[in-house]
Amino acid sequence: STDAKQLLVNLLYLYFSVIAQQLLEFCNPGEHLFEEYLGIFMALELEGFVRTRFP
């Protein structure tokens, strides 16, 4: 169902954004612009992935 797909996307996005946050704080504290772009990119990638795997 669409709800299940959306939940999966949200969970994956949350998971990856937490990892990204950890990496960014470790590598370059205070670099928030890159984080925003990374978040948008990952959201689009995940949406595409889920749409192709779960039509």
PDB file of N, CA and C in Angstrom:
ATOM      1  N   SER A   1       0.837  -1.210   0.000  1.00  0.00           N
ATOM      2  CA  SER A   1       0.000   0.000   0.000  1.00  0.00           C
ATOM      3  C   SER A   1       0.866   1.253   0.000  1.00  0.00           C
ATOM      4  N   THR A   2       0.258   2.357  -0.335  1.00  0.00           N
ATOM      5  CA  THR A   2       0.980   3.628  -0.405  1.00  0.00           C
ATOM      6  C   THR A   2       1.465   4.053   0.975  1.00  0.00           C
ATOM      7  N   ASP A   3       0.650   3.818   1.996  1.00  0.00           N
ATOM      8  CA  ASP A   3       1.027   4.187   3.358  1.00  0.00           C
ATOM      9  C   ASP A   3       2.273   3.436   3.813  1.00  0.00           C
ATOM     10  N   ALA A   4       2.330   2.164   3.499  1.00  0.00           N
ATOM     11  CA  ALA A   4       3.494   1.347   3.865  1.00  0.00           C
ATOM     12  C   ALA A   4       4.748   1.840   3.149  1.00  0.00           C
ATOM     13  N   LYS A   5       4.592   2.173   1.877  1.00  0.00           N
ATOM     14  CA  LYS A   5       5.725   2.698   1.110  1.00  0.00           C
ATOM     15  C   LYS A   5       6.231   4.002   1.700  1.00  0.00           C
ATOM     16  N   GLN A   6       5.299   4.890   2.040  1.00  0.00           N
ATOM     17  CA  GLN A   6       5.670   6.182   2.601  1.00  0.00           C
ATOM     18  C   GLN A   6       6.374   6.009   3.946  1.00  0.00           C
ATOM     19  N   LEU A   7       5.891   5.079   4.750  1.00  0.00           N
ATOM     20  CA  LEU A   7       6.519   4.799   6.032  1.00  0.00           C
ATOM     21  C   LEU A   7       7.940   4.300   5.833  1.00  0.00           C
ATOM     22  N   LEU A   8       8.115   3.407   4.873  1.00  0.00           N
ATOM     23  CA  LEU A   8       9.444   2.879   4.569  1.00  0.00           C
ATOM     24  C   LEU A   8      10.394   3.999   4.145  1.00  0.00           C
ATOM     25  N   VAL A   9       9.918   4.860   3.272  1.00  0.00           N
ATOM     26  CA  VAL A   9      10.732   5.986   2.819  1.00  0.00           C
ATOM     27  C   VAL A   9      11.119   6.868   4.006  1.00  0.00           C
ATOM     28  N   ASN A  10      10.140   7.172   4.852  1.00  0.00           N
ATOM     29  CA  ASN A  10      10.394   8.027   6.009  1.00  0.00           C
ATOM     30  C   ASN A  10      11.418   7.415   6.952  1.00  0.00           C
ATOM     31  N   LEU A  11      11.305   6.121   7.194  1.00  0.00           N
ATOM     32  CA  LEU A  11      12.236   5.441   8.081  1.00  0.00           C
ATOM     33  C   LEU A  11      13.644   5.412   7.497  1.00  0.00           C
ATOM     34  N   LEU A  12      13.746   5.097   6.204  1.00  0.00           N
ATOM     35  CA  LEU A  12      15.055   5.076   5.553  1.00  0.00           C
ATOM     36  C   LEU A  12      15.675   6.463   5.540  1.00  0.00           C
ATOM     37  N   TYR A  13      14.864   7.465   5.247  1.00  0.00           N
ATOM     38  CA  TYR A  13      15.355   8.836   5.230  1.00  0.00           C
ATOM     39  C   TYR A  13      15.876   9.251   6.610  1.00  0.00           C
ATOM     40  N   LEU A  14      15.115   8.912   7.639  1.00  0.00           N
ATOM     41  CA  LEU A  14      15.523   9.226   9.006  1.00  0.00           C
ATOM     42  C   LEU A  14      16.847   8.537   9.327  1.00  0.00           C
ATOM     43  N   TYR A  15      16.934   7.268   8.982  1.00  0.00           N
ATOM     44  CA  TYR A  15      18.136   6.477   9.230  1.00  0.00           C
ATOM     45  C   TYR A  15      19.355   7.102   8.561  1.00  0.00           C
ATOM     46  N   PHE A  16      19.231   7.415   7.280  1.00  0.00           N
ATOM     47  CA  PHE A  16      20.354   7.981   6.548  1.00  0.00           C
ATOM     48  C   PHE A  16      20.692   9.395   7.004  1.00  0.00           C
ATOM     49  N   SER A  17      19.679  10.172   7.371  1.00  0.00           N
ATOM     50  CA  SER A  17      19.947  11.534   7.811  1.00  0.00           C
ATOM     51  C   SER A  17      20.686  11.538   9.144  1.00  0.00           C
ATOM     52  N   VAL A  18      20.384  10.563  10.009  1.00  0.00           N
ATOM     53  CA  VAL A  18      21.112  10.435  11.275  1.00  0.00           C
ATOM     54  C   VAL A  18      22.573  10.087  11.010  1.00  0.00           C
ATOM     55  N   ILE A  19      22.810   9.145  10.090  1.00  0.00           N
ATOM     56  CA  ILE A  19      24.180   8.774   9.724  1.00  0.00           C
ATOM     57  C   ILE A  19      24.915   9.972   9.128  1.00  0.00           C
ATOM     58  N   ALA A  20      24.249  10.680   8.240  1.00  0.00           N
ATOM     59  CA  ALA A  20      24.848  11.861   7.610  1.00  0.00           C
ATOM     60  C   ALA A  20      25.221  12.899   8.671  1.00  0.00           C
ATOM     61  N   GLN A  21      24.334  13.096   9.625  1.00  0.00           N
ATOM     62  CA  GLN A  21      24.572  14.051  10.709  1.00  0.00           C
ATOM     63  C   GLN A  21      25.828  13.667  11.489  1.00  0.00           C
ATOM     64  N   GLN A  22      25.941  12.397  11.825  1.00  0.00           N
ATOM     65  CA  GLN A  22      27.101  11.899  12.572  1.00  0.00           C
ATOM     66  C   GLN A  22      28.393  12.136  11.783  1.00  0.00           C
ATOM     67  N   LEU A  23      28.356  11.778  10.489  1.00  0.00           N
ATOM     68  CA  LEU A  23      29.531  11.943   9.641  1.00  0.00           C
ATOM     69  C   LEU A  23      29.940  13.403   9.525  1.00  0.00           C
ATOM     70  N   LEU A  24      28.950  14.271   9.331  1.00  0.00           N
ATOM     71  CA  LEU A  24      29.245  15.683   9.147  1.00  0.00           C
ATOM     72  C   LEU A  24      29.809  16.308  10.416  1.00  0.00           C
ATOM     73  N   GLU A  25      29.269  15.937  11.565  1.00  0.00           N
ATOM     74  CA  GLU A  25      29.780  16.474  12.811  1.00  0.00           C
ATOM     75  C   GLU A  25      31.204  15.991  13.059  1.00  0.00           C
ATOM     76  N   PHE A  26      31.484  14.771  12.629  1.00  0.00           N
ATOM     77  CA  PHE A  26      32.819  14.204  12.797  1.00  0.00           C
ATOM     78  C   PHE A  26      33.818  14.890  11.858  1.00  0.00           C
ATOM     79  N   CYS A  27      33.401  15.076  10.586  1.00  0.00           N
ATOM     80  CA  CYS A  27      34.311  15.600   9.568  1.00  0.00           C
ATOM     81  C   CYS A  27      34.447  17.119   9.621  1.00  0.00           C
ATOM     82  N   ASN A  28      33.315  17.795   9.696  1.00  0.00           N
ATOM     83  CA  ASN A  28      33.332  19.249   9.550  1.00  0.00           C
ATOM     84  C   ASN A  28      32.173  19.866  10.330  1.00  0.00           C
ATOM     85  N   PRO A  29      32.377  20.117  11.623  1.00  0.00           N
ATOM     86  CA  PRO A  29      31.291  20.650  12.450  1.00  0.00           C
ATOM     87  C   PRO A  29      30.761  21.982  11.919  1.00  0.00           C
ATOM     88  N   GLY A  30      29.449  22.130  11.963  1.00  0.00           N
ATOM     89  CA  GLY A  30      28.836  23.393  11.585  1.00  0.00           C
ATOM     90  C   GLY A  30      28.578  23.566  10.100  1.00  0.00           C
ATOM     91  N   GLU A  31      28.758  22.501   9.337  1.00  0.00           N
ATOM     92  CA  GLU A  31      28.540  22.606   7.889  1.00  0.00           C
ATOM     93  C   GLU A  31      27.112  22.182   7.564  1.00  0.00           C
ATOM     94  N   HIS A  32      26.168  23.124   7.686  1.00  0.00           N
ATOM     95  CA  HIS A  32      24.756  22.764   7.591  1.00  0.00           C
ATOM     96  C   HIS A  32      24.201  22.842   6.168  1.00  0.00           C
ATOM     97  N   LEU A  33      24.806  23.659   5.323  1.00  0.00           N
ATOM     98  CA  LEU A  33      24.315  23.789   3.957  1.00  0.00           C
ATOM     99  C   LEU A  33      24.462  22.465   3.211  1.00  0.00           C
ATOM    100  N   PHE A  34      25.625  21.841   3.360  1.00  0.00           N
ATOM    101  CA  PHE A  34      25.883  20.551   2.723  1.00  0.00           C
ATOM    102  C   PHE A  34      24.883  19.508   3.212  1.00  0.00           C
ATOM    103  N   GLU A  35      24.599  19.551   4.491  1.00  0.00           N
ATOM    104  CA  GLU A  35      23.649  18.624   5.098  1.00  0.00           C
ATOM    105  C   GLU A  35      22.276  18.755   4.443  1.00  0.00           C
ATOM    106  N   GLU A  36      21.850  19.988   4.192  1.00  0.00           N
ATOM    107  CA  GLU A  36      20.558  20.217   3.542  1.00  0.00           C
ATOM    108  C   GLU A  36      20.530  19.595   2.145  1.00  0.00           C
ATOM    109  N   TYR A  37      21.583  19.857   1.376  1.00  0.00           N
ATOM    110  CA  TYR A  37      21.649  19.296   0.022  1.00  0.00           C
ATOM    111  C   TYR A  37      21.669  17.778   0.055  1.00  0.00           C
ATOM    112  N   LEU A  38      22.436  17.217   1.000  1.00  0.00           N
ATOM    113  CA  LEU A  38      22.526  15.773   1.134  1.00  0.00           C
ATOM    114  C   LEU A  38      21.160  15.180   1.477  1.00  0.00           C
ATOM    115  N   GLY A  39      20.446  15.827   2.369  1.00  0.00           N
ATOM    116  CA  GLY A  39      19.114  15.370   2.754  1.00  0.00           C
ATOM    117  C   GLY A  39      18.145  15.356   1.584  1.00  0.00           C
ATOM    118  N   ILE A  40      18.165  16.424   0.792  1.00  0.00           N
ATOM    119  CA  ILE A  40      17.288  16.515  -0.380  1.00  0.00           C
ATOM    120  C   ILE A  40      17.654  15.429  -1.394  1.00  0.00           C
ATOM    121  N   PHE A  41      18.951  15.283  -1.637  1.00  0.00           N
ATOM    122  CA  PHE A  41      19.423  14.283  -2.583  1.00  0.00           C
ATOM    123  C   PHE A  41      18.994  12.885  -2.150  1.00  0.00           C
ATOM    124  N   MET A  42      19.182  12.568  -0.875  1.00  0.00           N
ATOM    125  CA  MET A  42      18.835  11.241  -0.377  1.00  0.00           C
ATOM    126  C   MET A  42      17.330  10.993  -0.432  1.00  0.00           C
ATOM    127  N   ALA A  43      16.550  12.019  -0.154  1.00  0.00           N
ATOM    128  CA  ALA A  43      15.091  11.873  -0.220  1.00  0.00           C
ATOM    129  C   ALA A  43      14.661  11.523  -1.641  1.00  0.00           C
ATOM    130  N   LEU A  44      15.241  12.201  -2.629  1.00  0.00           N
ATOM    131  CA  LEU A  44      14.918  11.936  -4.029  1.00  0.00           C
ATOM    132  C   LEU A  44      15.380  10.545  -4.451  1.00  0.00           C
ATOM    133  N   GLU A  45      16.577  10.173  -4.035  1.00  0.00           N
ATOM    134  CA  GLU A  45      17.108   8.850  -4.356  1.00  0.00           C
ATOM    135  C   GLU A  45      16.233   7.751  -3.762  1.00  0.00           C
ATOM    136  N   LEU A  46      15.845   7.918  -2.506  1.00  0.00           N
ATOM    137  CA  LEU A  46      15.019   6.916  -1.834  1.00  0.00           C
ATOM    138  C   LEU A  46      13.653   6.799  -2.482  1.00  0.00           C
ATOM    139  N   GLU A  47      13.087   7.940  -2.853  1.00  0.00           N
ATOM    140  CA  GLU A  47      11.777   7.925  -3.499  1.00  0.00           C
ATOM    141  C   GLU A  47      11.852   7.143  -4.806  1.00  0.00           C
ATOM    142  N   GLY A  48      12.901   7.414  -5.582  1.00  0.00           N
ATOM    143  CA  GLY A  48      13.101   6.699  -6.841  1.00  0.00           C
ATOM    144  C   GLY A  48      13.315   5.211  -6.622  1.00  0.00           C
ATOM    145  N   PHE A  49      14.114   4.885  -5.604  1.00  0.00           N
ATOM    146  CA  PHE A  49      14.388   3.483  -5.280  1.00  0.00           C
ATOM    147  C   PHE A  49      13.110   2.748  -4.911  1.00  0.00           C
ATOM    148  N   VAL A  50      12.319   3.351  -4.035  1.00  0.00           N
ATOM    149  CA  VAL A  50      11.088   2.706  -3.579  1.00  0.00           C
ATOM    150  C   VAL A  50      10.090   2.559  -4.726  1.00  0.00           C
ATOM    151  N   ARG A  51      10.002   3.589  -5.571  1.00  0.00           N
ATOM    152  CA  ARG A  51       9.068   3.508  -6.710  1.00  0.00           C
ATOM    153  C   ARG A  51       9.449   2.386  -7.673  1.00  0.00           C
ATOM    154  N   THR A  52      10.748   2.167  -7.875  1.00  0.00           N
ATOM    155  CA  THR A  52      11.160   1.115  -8.807  1.00  0.00           C
ATOM    156  C   THR A  52      11.028  -0.272  -8.191  1.00  0.00           C
ATOM    157  N   ARG A  53      11.267  -0.388  -6.886  1.00  0.00           N
ATOM    158  CA  ARG A  53      11.196  -1.696  -6.223  1.00  0.00           C
ATOM    159  C   ARG A  53       9.767  -2.094  -5.864  1.00  0.00           C
ATOM    160  N   PHE A  54       8.942  -1.097  -5.536  1.00  0.00           N
ATOM    161  CA  PHE A  54       7.570  -1.377  -5.090  1.00  0.00           C
ATOM    162  C   PHE A  54       6.570  -0.588  -5.934  1.00  0.00           C
ATOM    163  N   PRO A  55       6.375  -1.018  -7.170  1.00  0.00           N
ATOM    164  CA  PRO A  55       5.492  -0.242  -8.057  1.00  0.00           C
ATOM    165  C   PRO A  55       4.032  -0.256  -7.603  1.00  0.00           C
TER     166      PRO A  55
END
